Amino acid sequence: DTPCHPFSEYGKAKLEIKERGFALAEELGIKYLHLRIFS
């Protein structure tokens, strides 16, 4: 739940696909698991 403030384009894209993926998964009726992988 920590607020996200990515500074790299990579981090921004990963956050954007989470947000768009969640919305699309809800629309399509499919479960969606987003993994925030650390080091």
Full PDB file with SEQRES, HELIX, SHEET, SSBOND, CRYST1, ORIGX, SCALE, CONECT and MASTER records, all heavy atoms in Angstrom:
SEQRES   1 A   39  ASP THR PRO CYS HIS PRO PHE SER GLU TYR GLY LYS ALA          
SEQRES   2 A   39  LYS LEU GLU ILE LYS GLU ARG GLY PHE ALA LEU ALA GLU          
SEQRES   3 A   39  GLU LEU GLY ILE LYS TYR LEU HIS LEU ARG ILE PHE SER          
HELIX    1 AA1 GLU A    9  LEU A   28  1                                  20    
CRYST1    1.000    1.000    1.000  90.00  90.00  90.00 P 1           1          
ORIGX1      1.000000  0.000000  0.000000        0.00000                         
ORIGX2      0.000000  1.000000  0.000000        0.00000                         
ORIGX3      0.000000  0.000000  1.000000        0.00000                         
SCALE1      1.000000  0.000000  0.000000        0.00000                         
SCALE2      0.000000  1.000000  0.000000        0.00000                         
SCALE3      0.000000  0.000000  1.000000        0.00000                         
ATOM      1  N   ASP A   1       0.804  -1.223   0.000  1.00  0.00           N  
ATOM      2  CA  ASP A   1       0.000   0.000   0.000  1.00  0.00           C  
ATOM      3  C   ASP A   1       0.841   1.280   0.000  1.00  0.00           C  
ATOM      4  O   ASP A   1       0.286   2.385  -0.023  1.00  0.00           O  
ATOM      5  CB  ASP A   1      -0.923   0.014   1.223  1.00  0.00           C  
ATOM      6  CG  ASP A   1      -1.956  -1.101   1.175  1.00  0.00           C  
ATOM      7  OD1 ASP A   1      -2.418  -1.424   0.063  1.00  0.00           O  
ATOM      8  OD2 ASP A   1      -2.287  -1.657   2.243  1.00  0.00           O  
ATOM      9  N   THR A   2       2.154   1.143   0.032  1.00  0.00           N  
ATOM     10  CA  THR A   2       3.024   2.323   0.009  1.00  0.00           C  
ATOM     11  C   THR A   2       2.823   3.094  -1.302  1.00  0.00           C  
ATOM     12  O   THR A   2       2.828   2.484  -2.379  1.00  0.00           O  
ATOM     13  CB  THR A   2       4.502   1.904   0.135  1.00  0.00           C  
ATOM     14  OG1 THR A   2       4.704   1.274   1.404  1.00  0.00           O  
ATOM     15  CG2 THR A   2       5.427   3.103   0.019  1.00  0.00           C  
ATOM     16  N   PRO A   3       2.631   4.409  -1.241  1.00  0.00           N  
ATOM     17  CA  PRO A   3       2.465   5.192  -2.475  1.00  0.00           C  
ATOM     18  C   PRO A   3       3.653   5.016  -3.414  1.00  0.00           C  
ATOM     19  O   PRO A   3       4.806   4.952  -2.970  1.00  0.00           O  
ATOM     20  CB  PRO A   3       2.366   6.635  -1.964  1.00  0.00           C  
ATOM     21  CG  PRO A   3       1.857   6.503  -0.565  1.00  0.00           C  
ATOM     22  CD  PRO A   3       2.483   5.246  -0.029  1.00  0.00           C  
ATOM     23  N   CYS A   4       3.362   4.913  -4.693  1.00  0.00           N  
ATOM     24  CA  CYS A   4       4.398   4.680  -5.696  1.00  0.00           C  
ATOM     25  C   CYS A   4       4.781   5.985  -6.395  1.00  0.00           C  
ATOM     26  O   CYS A   4       3.912   6.722  -6.872  1.00  0.00           O  
ATOM     27  CB  CYS A   4       3.903   3.678  -6.737  1.00  0.00           C  
ATOM     28  SG  CYS A   4       3.691   2.002  -6.111  1.00  0.00           S  
ATOM     29  N   HIS A   5       6.086   6.232  -6.453  1.00  0.00           N  
ATOM     30  CA  HIS A   5       6.611   7.405  -7.147  1.00  0.00           C  
ATOM     31  C   HIS A   5       7.850   6.985  -7.943  1.00  0.00           C  
ATOM     32  O   HIS A   5       8.980   7.389  -7.630  1.00  0.00           O  
ATOM     33  CB  HIS A   5       6.957   8.519  -6.162  1.00  0.00           C  
ATOM     34  CG  HIS A   5       5.790   8.977  -5.341  1.00  0.00           C  
ATOM     35  ND1 HIS A   5       4.754   9.724  -5.869  1.00  0.00           N  
ATOM     36  CD2 HIS A   5       5.479   8.764  -4.035  1.00  0.00           C  
ATOM     37  CE1 HIS A   5       3.863   9.976  -4.922  1.00  0.00           C  
ATOM     38  NE2 HIS A   5       4.273   9.406  -3.800  1.00  0.00           N  
ATOM     39  N   PRO A   6       7.668   6.152  -8.969  1.00  0.00           N  
ATOM     40  CA  PRO A   6       8.818   5.668  -9.737  1.00  0.00           C  
ATOM     41  C   PRO A   6       9.526   6.793 -10.477  1.00  0.00           C  
ATOM     42  O   PRO A   6       8.882   7.731 -10.955  1.00  0.00           O  
ATOM     43  CB  PRO A   6       8.184   4.676 -10.720  1.00  0.00           C  
ATOM     44  CG  PRO A   6       6.767   5.140 -10.860  1.00  0.00           C  
ATOM     45  CD  PRO A   6       6.392   5.681  -9.518  1.00  0.00           C  
ATOM     46  N   PHE A   7      10.856   6.708 -10.562  1.00  0.00           N  
ATOM     47  CA  PHE A   7      11.610   7.732 -11.275  1.00  0.00           C  
ATOM     48  C   PHE A   7      12.156   7.222 -12.608  1.00  0.00           C  
ATOM     49  O   PHE A   7      12.477   8.021 -13.487  1.00  0.00           O  
ATOM     50  CB  PHE A   7      12.755   8.293 -10.414  1.00  0.00           C  
ATOM     51  CG  PHE A   7      13.630   7.251  -9.780  1.00  0.00           C  
ATOM     52  CD1 PHE A   7      14.617   6.613 -10.501  1.00  0.00           C  
ATOM     53  CD2 PHE A   7      13.469   6.918  -8.446  1.00  0.00           C  
ATOM     54  CE1 PHE A   7      15.431   5.656  -9.912  1.00  0.00           C  
ATOM     55  CE2 PHE A   7      14.278   5.968  -7.838  1.00  0.00           C  
ATOM     56  CZ  PHE A   7      15.265   5.332  -8.577  1.00  0.00           C  
ATOM     57  N   SER A   8      12.245   5.916 -12.800  1.00  0.00           N  
ATOM     58  CA  SER A   8      12.710   5.375 -14.080  1.00  0.00           C  
ATOM     59  C   SER A   8      11.514   5.085 -14.978  1.00  0.00           C  
ATOM     60  O   SER A   8      10.399   4.830 -14.506  1.00  0.00           O  
ATOM     61  CB  SER A   8      13.509   4.080 -13.868  1.00  0.00           C  
ATOM     62  OG  SER A   8      12.661   3.026 -13.426  1.00  0.00           O  
ATOM     63  N   GLU A   9      11.739   5.126 -16.287  1.00  0.00           N  
ATOM     64  CA  GLU A   9      10.672   4.786 -17.226  1.00  0.00           C  
ATOM     65  C   GLU A   9      10.240   3.333 -17.044  1.00  0.00           C  
ATOM     66  O   GLU A   9       9.067   3.002 -17.241  1.00  0.00           O  
ATOM     67  CB  GLU A   9      11.140   5.032 -18.668  1.00  0.00           C  
ATOM     68  CG  GLU A   9      11.412   6.488 -18.995  1.00  0.00           C  
ATOM     69  CD  GLU A   9      10.174   7.363 -18.863  1.00  0.00           C  
ATOM     70  OE1 GLU A   9       9.049   6.857 -19.055  1.00  0.00           O  
ATOM     71  OE2 GLU A   9      10.330   8.560 -18.553  1.00  0.00           O  
ATOM     72  N   TYR A  10      11.169   2.493 -16.665  1.00  0.00           N  
ATOM     73  CA  TYR A  10      10.866   1.086 -16.381  1.00  0.00           C  
ATOM     74  C   TYR A  10       9.869   0.982 -15.223  1.00  0.00           C  
ATOM     75  O   TYR A  10       8.841   0.303 -15.325  1.00  0.00           O  
ATOM     76  CB  TYR A  10      12.176   0.367 -16.043  1.00  0.00           C  
ATOM     77  CG  TYR A  10      12.031  -1.022 -15.473  1.00  0.00           C  
ATOM     78  CD1 TYR A  10      11.718  -2.101 -16.293  1.00  0.00           C  
ATOM     79  CD2 TYR A  10      12.243  -1.264 -14.113  1.00  0.00           C  
ATOM     80  CE1 TYR A  10      11.606  -3.382 -15.765  1.00  0.00           C  
ATOM     81  CE2 TYR A  10      12.133  -2.536 -13.588  1.00  0.00           C  
ATOM     82  CZ  TYR A  10      11.814  -3.587 -14.413  1.00  0.00           C  
ATOM     83  OH  TYR A  10      11.693  -4.856 -13.898  1.00  0.00           O  
ATOM     84  N   GLY A  11      10.162   1.676 -14.121  1.00  0.00           N  
ATOM     85  CA  GLY A  11       9.270   1.649 -12.973  1.00  0.00           C  
ATOM     86  C   GLY A  11       7.906   2.246 -13.297  1.00  0.00           C  
ATOM     87  O   GLY A  11       6.871   1.731 -12.853  1.00  0.00           O  
ATOM     88  N   LYS A  12       7.897   3.321 -14.078  1.00  0.00           N  
ATOM     89  CA  LYS A  12       6.635   3.948 -14.468  1.00  0.00           C  
ATOM     90  C   LYS A  12       5.791   2.996 -15.312  1.00  0.00           C  
ATOM     91  O   LYS A  12       4.561   2.919 -15.158  1.00  0.00           O  
ATOM     92  CB  LYS A  12       6.919   5.231 -15.249  1.00  0.00           C  
ATOM     93  CG  LYS A  12       7.549   6.342 -14.427  1.00  0.00           C  
ATOM     94  CD  LYS A  12       7.920   7.533 -15.304  1.00  0.00           C  
ATOM     95  CE  LYS A  12       8.662   8.598 -14.500  1.00  0.00           C  
ATOM     96  NZ  LYS A  12       9.106   9.728 -15.366  1.00  0.00           N  
ATOM     97  N   ALA A  13       6.455   2.272 -16.211  1.00  0.00           N  
ATOM     98  CA  ALA A  13       5.724   1.342 -17.078  1.00  0.00           C  
ATOM     99  C   ALA A  13       5.163   0.172 -16.285  1.00  0.00           C  
ATOM    100  O   ALA A  13       4.032  -0.276 -16.522  1.00  0.00           O  
ATOM    101  CB  ALA A  13       6.639   0.839 -18.191  1.00  0.00           C  
ATOM    102  N   LYS A  14       5.932  -0.329 -15.334  1.00  0.00           N  
ATOM    103  CA  LYS A  14       5.450  -1.429 -14.500  1.00  0.00           C  
ATOM    104  C   LYS A  14       4.234  -1.000 -13.678  1.00  0.00           C  
ATOM    105  O   LYS A  14       3.286  -1.772 -13.500  1.00  0.00           O  
ATOM    106  CB  LYS A  14       6.568  -1.919 -13.577  1.00  0.00           C  
ATOM    107  CG  LYS A  14       7.681  -2.696 -14.270  1.00  0.00           C  
ATOM    108  CD  LYS A  14       7.195  -4.040 -14.760  1.00  0.00           C  
ATOM    109  CE  LYS A  14       8.356  -4.911 -15.261  1.00  0.00           C  
ATOM    110  NZ  LYS A  14       7.894  -6.236 -15.732  1.00  0.00           N  
ATOM    111  N   LEU A  15       4.261   0.219 -13.179  1.00  0.00           N  
ATOM    112  CA  LEU A  15       3.119   0.728 -12.418  1.00  0.00           C  
ATOM    113  C   LEU A  15       1.912   0.938 -13.333  1.00  0.00           C  
ATOM    114  O   LEU A  15       0.777   0.596 -12.967  1.00  0.00           O  
ATOM    115  CB  LEU A  15       3.495   2.038 -11.734  1.00  0.00           C  
ATOM    116  CG  LEU A  15       2.393   2.709 -10.905  1.00  0.00           C  
ATOM    117  CD1 LEU A  15       1.910   1.798  -9.794  1.00  0.00           C  
ATOM    118  CD2 LEU A  15       2.896   4.036 -10.332  1.00  0.00           C  
ATOM    119  N   GLU A  16       2.154   1.454 -14.529  1.00  0.00           N  
ATOM    120  CA  GLU A  16       1.048   1.695 -15.451  1.00  0.00           C  
ATOM    121  C   GLU A  16       0.381   0.394 -15.873  1.00  0.00           C  
ATOM    122  O   GLU A  16      -0.853   0.326 -15.957  1.00  0.00           O  
ATOM    123  CB  GLU A  16       1.541   2.452 -16.686  1.00  0.00           C  
ATOM    124  CG  GLU A  16       0.431   2.793 -17.668  1.00  0.00           C  
ATOM    125  CD  GLU A  16       0.885   3.653 -18.831  1.00  0.00           C  
ATOM    126  OE1 GLU A  16       1.942   4.308 -18.716  1.00  0.00           O  
ATOM    127  OE2 GLU A  16       0.171   3.669 -19.859  1.00  0.00           O  
ATOM    128  N   ILE A  17       1.168  -0.651 -16.120  1.00  0.00           N  
ATOM    129  CA  ILE A  17       0.543  -1.908 -16.550  1.00  0.00           C  
ATOM    130  C   ILE A  17      -0.219  -2.541 -15.402  1.00  0.00           C  
ATOM    131  O   ILE A  17      -1.238  -3.222 -15.616  1.00  0.00           O  
ATOM    132  CB  ILE A  17       1.584  -2.891 -17.146  1.00  0.00           C  
ATOM    133  CG1 ILE A  17       0.864  -4.021 -17.891  1.00  0.00           C  
ATOM    134  CG2 ILE A  17       2.493  -3.464 -16.085  1.00  0.00           C  
ATOM    135  CD1 ILE A  17      -0.093  -3.561 -18.970  1.00  0.00           C  
ATOM    136  N   LYS A  18       0.214  -2.301 -14.169  1.00  0.00           N  
ATOM    137  CA  LYS A  18      -0.578  -2.794 -13.035  1.00  0.00           C  
ATOM    138  C   LYS A  18      -1.947  -2.146 -13.035  1.00  0.00           C  
ATOM    139  O   LYS A  18      -2.991  -2.816 -12.905  1.00  0.00           O  
ATOM    140  CB  LYS A  18       0.163  -2.516 -11.722  1.00  0.00           C  
ATOM    141  CG  LYS A  18      -0.506  -3.138 -10.475  1.00  0.00           C  
ATOM    142  CD  LYS A  18      -1.628  -2.329  -9.871  1.00  0.00           C  
ATOM    143  CE  LYS A  18      -1.144  -0.985  -9.350  1.00  0.00           C  
ATOM    144  NZ  LYS A  18      -2.307  -0.246  -8.704  1.00  0.00           N  
ATOM    145  N   GLU A  19      -1.973  -0.818 -13.194  1.00  0.00           N  
ATOM    146  CA  GLU A  19      -3.233  -0.091 -13.147  1.00  0.00           C  
ATOM    147  C   GLU A  19      -4.135  -0.456 -14.326  1.00  0.00           C  
ATOM    148  O   GLU A  19      -5.332  -0.727 -14.153  1.00  0.00           O  
ATOM    149  CB  GLU A  19      -2.952   1.411 -13.119  1.00  0.00           C  
ATOM    150  CG  GLU A  19      -2.254   1.846 -11.825  1.00  0.00           C  
ATOM    151  CD  GLU A  19      -1.730   3.273 -11.869  1.00  0.00           C  
ATOM    152  OE1 GLU A  19      -1.666   3.856 -12.978  1.00  0.00           O  
ATOM    153  OE2 GLU A  19      -1.374   3.801 -10.799  1.00  0.00           O  
ATOM    154  N   ARG A  20      -3.561  -0.516 -15.507  1.00  0.00           N  
ATOM    155  CA  ARG A  20      -4.354  -0.880 -16.680  1.00  0.00           C  
ATOM    156  C   ARG A  20      -4.729  -2.351 -16.656  1.00  0.00           C  
ATOM    157  O   ARG A  20      -5.831  -2.736 -17.083  1.00  0.00           O  
ATOM    158  CB  ARG A  20      -3.592  -0.526 -17.954  1.00  0.00           C  
ATOM    159  CG  ARG A  20      -3.440   0.971 -18.171  1.00  0.00           C  
ATOM    160  CD  ARG A  20      -2.665   1.281 -19.440  1.00  0.00           C  
ATOM    161  NE  ARG A  20      -3.314   0.747 -20.623  1.00  0.00           N  
ATOM    162  CZ  ARG A  20      -2.819   0.865 -21.859  1.00  0.00           C  
ATOM    163  NH1 ARG A  20      -1.665   1.511 -22.050  1.00  0.00           N  
ATOM    164  NH2 ARG A  20      -3.451   0.363 -22.901  1.00  0.00           N  
ATOM    165  N   GLY A  21      -3.828  -3.183 -16.155  1.00  0.00           N  
ATOM    166  CA  GLY A  21      -4.105  -4.608 -16.073  1.00  0.00           C  
ATOM    167  C   GLY A  21      -5.237  -4.925 -15.110  1.00  0.00           C  
ATOM    168  O   GLY A  21      -6.098  -5.769 -15.391  1.00  0.00           O  
ATOM    169  N   PHE A  22      -5.241  -4.244 -13.970  1.00  0.00           N  
ATOM    170  CA  PHE A  22      -6.324  -4.439 -13.006  1.00  0.00           C  
ATOM    171  C   PHE A  22      -7.673  -4.090 -13.641  1.00  0.00           C  
ATOM    172  O   PHE A  22      -8.659  -4.828 -13.497  1.00  0.00           O  
ATOM    173  CB  PHE A  22      -6.095  -3.557 -11.775  1.00  0.00           C  
ATOM    174  CG  PHE A  22      -5.267  -4.212 -10.696  1.00  0.00           C  
ATOM    175  CD1 PHE A  22      -4.359  -5.207 -10.994  1.00  0.00           C  
ATOM    176  CD2 PHE A  22      -5.403  -3.825  -9.370  1.00  0.00           C  
ATOM    177  CE1 PHE A  22      -3.598  -5.809 -10.005  1.00  0.00           C  
ATOM    178  CE2 PHE A  22      -4.658  -4.421  -8.372  1.00  0.00           C  
ATOM    179  CZ  PHE A  22      -3.743  -5.414  -8.684  1.00  0.00           C  
ATOM    180  N   ALA A  23      -7.723  -2.954 -14.340  1.00  0.00           N  
ATOM    181  CA  ALA A  23      -8.975  -2.510 -14.955  1.00  0.00           C  
ATOM    182  C   ALA A  23      -9.428  -3.476 -16.049  1.00  0.00           C  
ATOM    183  O   ALA A  23     -10.617  -3.833 -16.133  1.00  0.00           O  
ATOM    184  CB  ALA A  23      -8.813  -1.102 -15.528  1.00  0.00           C  
ATOM    185  N   LEU A  24      -8.488  -3.919 -16.880  1.00  0.00           N  
ATOM    186  CA  LEU A  24      -8.831  -4.833 -17.966  1.00  0.00           C  
ATOM    187  C   LEU A  24      -9.252  -6.193 -17.429  1.00  0.00           C  
ATOM    188  O   LEU A  24     -10.204  -6.804 -17.933  1.00  0.00           O  
ATOM    189  CB  LEU A  24      -7.640  -4.986 -18.918  1.00  0.00           C  
ATOM    190  CG  LEU A  24      -7.842  -5.921 -20.110  1.00  0.00           C  
ATOM    191  CD1 LEU A  24      -9.034  -5.478 -20.955  1.00  0.00           C  
ATOM    192  CD2 LEU A  24      -6.572  -5.988 -20.961  1.00  0.00           C  
ATOM    193  N   ALA A  25      -8.574  -6.669 -16.397  1.00  0.00           N  
ATOM    194  CA  ALA A  25      -8.926  -7.959 -15.804  1.00  0.00           C  
ATOM    195  C   ALA A  25     -10.343  -7.928 -15.237  1.00  0.00           C  
ATOM    196  O   ALA A  25     -11.107  -8.901 -15.370  1.00  0.00           O  
ATOM    197  CB  ALA A  25      -7.927  -8.323 -14.706  1.00  0.00           C  
ATOM    198  N   GLU A  26     -10.702  -6.823 -14.622  1.00  0.00           N  
ATOM    199  CA  GLU A  26     -12.062  -6.690 -14.091  1.00  0.00           C  
ATOM    200  C   GLU A  26     -13.078  -6.710 -15.229  1.00  0.00           C  
ATOM    201  O   GLU A  26     -14.123  -7.363 -15.141  1.00  0.00           O  
ATOM    202  CB  GLU A  26     -12.195  -5.396 -13.293  1.00  0.00           C  
ATOM    203  CG  GLU A  26     -13.567  -5.208 -12.667  1.00  0.00           C  
ATOM    204  CD  GLU A  26     -13.656  -3.974 -11.801  1.00  0.00           C  
ATOM    205  OE1 GLU A  26     -12.725  -3.130 -11.857  1.00  0.00           O  
ATOM    206  OE2 GLU A  26     -14.639  -3.842 -11.052  1.00  0.00           O  
ATOM    207  N   GLU A  27     -12.747  -6.020 -16.307  1.00  0.00           N  
ATOM    208  CA  GLU A  27     -13.648  -5.978 -17.465  1.00  0.00           C  
ATOM    209  C   GLU A  27     -13.820  -7.355 -18.100  1.00  0.00           C  
ATOM    210  O   GLU A  27     -14.933  -7.736 -18.498  1.00  0.00           O  
ATOM    211  CB  GLU A  27     -13.083  -4.994 -18.495  1.00  0.00           C  
ATOM    212  CG  GLU A  27     -13.865  -4.915 -19.792  1.00  0.00           C  
ATOM    213  CD  GLU A  27     -13.159  -4.042 -20.827  1.00  0.00           C  
ATOM    214  OE1 GLU A  27     -12.449  -3.094 -20.422  1.00  0.00           O  
ATOM    215  OE2 GLU A  27     -13.309  -4.312 -22.030  1.00  0.00           O  
ATOM    216  N   LEU A  28     -12.728  -8.108 -18.186  1.00  0.00           N  
ATOM    217  CA  LEU A  28     -12.770  -9.411 -18.844  1.00  0.00           C  
ATOM    218  C   LEU A  28     -13.218 -10.542 -17.928  1.00  0.00           C  
ATOM    219  O   LEU A  28     -13.525 -11.637 -18.392  1.00  0.00           O  
ATOM    220  CB  LEU A  28     -11.373  -9.752 -19.404  1.00  0.00           C  
ATOM    221  CG  LEU A  28     -10.825  -8.826 -20.496  1.00  0.00           C  
ATOM    222  CD1 LEU A  28      -9.415  -9.258 -20.889  1.00  0.00           C  
ATOM    223  CD2 LEU A  28     -11.737  -8.828 -21.715  1.00  0.00           C  
ATOM    224  N   GLY A  29     -13.228 -10.287 -16.616  1.00  0.00           N  
ATOM    225  CA  GLY A  29     -13.609 -11.326 -15.668  1.00  0.00           C  
ATOM    226  C   GLY A  29     -12.522 -12.357 -15.470  1.00  0.00           C  
ATOM    227  O   GLY A  29     -12.784 -13.569 -15.429  1.00  0.00           O  
ATOM    228  N   ILE A  30     -11.276 -11.907 -15.327  1.00  0.00           N  
ATOM    229  CA  ILE A  30     -10.133 -12.789 -15.109  1.00  0.00           C  
ATOM    230  C   ILE A  30      -9.385 -12.328 -13.860  1.00  0.00           C  
ATOM    231  O   ILE A  30      -9.307 -11.125 -13.581  1.00  0.00           O  
ATOM    232  CB  ILE A  30      -9.200 -12.787 -16.353  1.00  0.00           C  
ATOM    233  CG1 ILE A  30      -8.089 -13.826 -16.222  1.00  0.00           C  
ATOM    234  CG2 ILE A  30      -8.622 -11.410 -16.610  1.00  0.00           C  
ATOM    235  CD1 ILE A  30      -7.269 -13.985 -17.497  1.00  0.00           C  
ATOM    236  N   LYS A  31      -8.866 -13.251 -13.088  1.00  0.00           N  
ATOM    237  CA  LYS A  31      -8.094 -12.890 -11.905  1.00  0.00           C  
ATOM    238  C   LYS A  31      -6.736 -12.330 -12.328  1.00  0.00           C  
ATOM    239  O   LYS A  31      -6.191 -12.718 -13.375  1.00  0.00           O  
ATOM    240  CB  LYS A  31      -7.899 -14.106 -11.003  1.00  0.00           C  
ATOM    241  CG  LYS A  31      -9.190 -14.652 -10.415  1.00  0.00           C  
ATOM    242  CD  LYS A  31      -8.927 -15.837  -9.492  1.00  0.00           C  
ATOM    243  CE  LYS A  31     -10.210 -16.322  -8.833  1.00  0.00           C  
ATOM    244  NZ  LYS A  31      -9.965 -17.422  -7.859  1.00  0.00           N  
ATOM    245  N   TYR A  32      -6.178 -11.429 -11.494  1.00  0.00           N  
ATOM    246  CA  TYR A  32      -4.926 -10.759 -11.866  1.00  0.00           C  
ATOM    247  C   TYR A  32      -4.028 -10.668 -10.638  1.00  0.00           C  
ATOM    248  O   TYR A  32      -4.428 -10.132  -9.597  1.00  0.00           O  
ATOM    249  CB  TYR A  32      -5.230  -9.359 -12.396  1.00  0.00           C  
ATOM    250  CG  TYR A  32      -4.097  -8.695 -13.144  1.00  0.00           C  
ATOM    251  CD1 TYR A  32      -4.086  -8.657 -14.534  1.00  0.00           C  
ATOM    252  CD2 TYR A  32      -3.047  -8.087 -12.475  1.00  0.00           C  
ATOM    253  CE1 TYR A  32      -3.069  -8.017 -15.227  1.00  0.00           C  
ATOM    254  CE2 TYR A  32      -2.017  -7.460 -13.154  1.00  0.00           C  
ATOM    255  CZ  TYR A  32      -2.032  -7.428 -14.535  1.00  0.00           C  
ATOM    256  OH  TYR A  32      -1.020  -6.819 -15.223  1.00  0.00           O  
ATOM    257  N   LEU A  33      -2.820 -11.159 -10.792  1.00  0.00           N  
ATOM    258  CA  LEU A  33      -1.826 -11.148  -9.717  1.00  0.00           C  
ATOM    259  C   LEU A  33      -0.625 -10.322 -10.170  1.00  0.00           C  
ATOM    260  O   LEU A  33       0.030 -10.653 -11.161  1.00  0.00           O  
ATOM    261  CB  LEU A  33      -1.393 -12.593  -9.403  1.00  0.00           C  
ATOM    262  CG  LEU A  33      -0.236 -12.814  -8.428  1.00  0.00           C  
ATOM    263  CD1 LEU A  33      -0.531 -12.213  -7.066  1.00  0.00           C  
ATOM    264  CD2 LEU A  33       0.052 -14.313  -8.296  1.00  0.00           C  
ATOM    265  N   HIS A  34      -0.363  -9.236  -9.455  1.00  0.00           N  
ATOM    266  CA  HIS A  34       0.765  -8.357  -9.779  1.00  0.00           C  
ATOM    267  C   HIS A  34       1.853  -8.557  -8.738  1.00  0.00           C  
ATOM    268  O   HIS A  34       1.651  -8.314  -7.546  1.00  0.00           O  
ATOM    269  CB  HIS A  34       0.295  -6.895  -9.791  1.00  0.00           C  
ATOM    270  CG  HIS A  34       1.361  -5.916 -10.190  1.00  0.00           C  
ATOM    271  ND1 HIS A  34       1.763  -5.749 -11.497  1.00  0.00           N  
ATOM    272  CD2 HIS A  34       2.099  -5.045  -9.455  1.00  0.00           C  
ATOM    273  CE1 HIS A  34       2.691  -4.815 -11.550  1.00  0.00           C  
ATOM    274  NE2 HIS A  34       2.922  -4.376 -10.326  1.00  0.00           N  
ATOM    275  N   LEU A  35       3.010  -9.009  -9.178  1.00  0.00           N  
ATOM    276  CA  LEU A  35       4.123  -9.311  -8.286  1.00  0.00           C  
ATOM    277  C   LEU A  35       5.095  -8.135  -8.258  1.00  0.00           C  
ATOM    278  O   LEU A  35       5.622  -7.742  -9.304  1.00  0.00           O  
ATOM    279  CB  LEU A  35       4.864 -10.566  -8.772  1.00  0.00           C  
ATOM    280  CG  LEU A  35       4.021 -11.806  -9.019  1.00  0.00           C  
ATOM    281  CD1 LEU A  35       4.848 -12.860  -9.747  1.00  0.00           C  
ATOM    282  CD2 LEU A  35       3.467 -12.364  -7.712  1.00  0.00           C  
ATOM    283  N   ARG A  36       5.340  -7.590  -7.086  1.00  0.00           N  
ATOM    284  CA  ARG A  36       6.374  -6.552  -6.963  1.00  0.00           C  
ATOM    285  C   ARG A  36       7.660  -7.259  -6.503  1.00  0.00           C  
ATOM    286  O   ARG A  36       7.860  -7.538  -5.320  1.00  0.00           O  
ATOM    287  CB  ARG A  36       5.938  -5.479  -5.966  1.00  0.00           C  
ATOM    288  CG  ARG A  36       4.775  -4.645  -6.540  1.00  0.00           C  
ATOM    289  CD  ARG A  36       5.056  -3.153  -6.442  1.00  0.00           C  
ATOM    290  NE  ARG A  36       4.048  -2.399  -7.205  1.00  0.00           N  
ATOM    291  CZ  ARG A  36       3.033  -1.741  -6.662  1.00  0.00           C  
ATOM    292  NH1 ARG A  36       2.880  -1.718  -5.353  1.00  0.00           N  
ATOM    293  NH2 ARG A  36       2.183  -1.088  -7.416  1.00  0.00           N  
ATOM    294  N   ILE A  37       8.511  -7.571  -7.462  1.00  0.00           N  
ATOM    295  CA  ILE A  37       9.706  -8.368  -7.219  1.00  0.00           C  
ATOM    296  C   ILE A  37      10.856  -7.457  -6.803  1.00  0.00           C  
ATOM    297  O   ILE A  37      11.193  -6.490  -7.495  1.00  0.00           O  
ATOM    298  CB  ILE A  37      10.075  -9.178  -8.473  1.00  0.00           C  
ATOM    299  CG1 ILE A  37       8.903 -10.109  -8.843  1.00  0.00           C  
ATOM    300  CG2 ILE A  37      11.345  -9.986  -8.236  1.00  0.00           C  
ATOM    301  CD1 ILE A  37       9.105 -10.870 -10.140  1.00  0.00           C  
ATOM    302  N   PHE A  38      11.464  -7.779  -5.672  1.00  0.00           N  
ATOM    303  CA  PHE A  38      12.576  -6.976  -5.146  1.00  0.00           C  
ATOM    304  C   PHE A  38      13.901  -7.521  -5.697  1.00  0.00           C  
ATOM    305  O   PHE A  38      13.957  -7.947  -6.846  1.00  0.00           O  
ATOM    306  CB  PHE A  38      12.523  -6.948  -3.620  1.00  0.00           C  
ATOM    307  CG  PHE A  38      11.522  -5.957  -3.083  1.00  0.00           C  
ATOM    308  CD1 PHE A  38      10.158  -6.164  -3.252  1.00  0.00           C  
ATOM    309  CD2 PHE A  38      11.921  -4.789  -2.442  1.00  0.00           C  
ATOM    310  CE1 PHE A  38       9.226  -5.250  -2.793  1.00  0.00           C  
ATOM    311  CE2 PHE A  38      10.992  -3.858  -1.979  1.00  0.00           C  
ATOM    312  CZ  PHE A  38       9.642  -4.097  -2.153  1.00  0.00           C  
ATOM    313  N   SER A  39      14.955  -7.505  -4.940  1.00  0.00           N  
ATOM    314  CA  SER A  39      16.285  -7.809  -5.457  1.00  0.00           C  
ATOM    315  C   SER A  39      16.550  -9.315  -5.389  1.00  0.00           C  
ATOM    316  O   SER A  39      16.796  -9.863  -4.315  1.00  0.00           O  
ATOM    317  CB  SER A  39      17.350  -7.041  -4.658  1.00  0.00           C  
ATOM    318  OG  SER A  39      18.575  -7.029  -5.324  1.00  0.00           O  
TER     319      SER A  39                                                      
MASTER        0    0    0    1    0    0    0    6  318    1    0    3          
END                                                                             
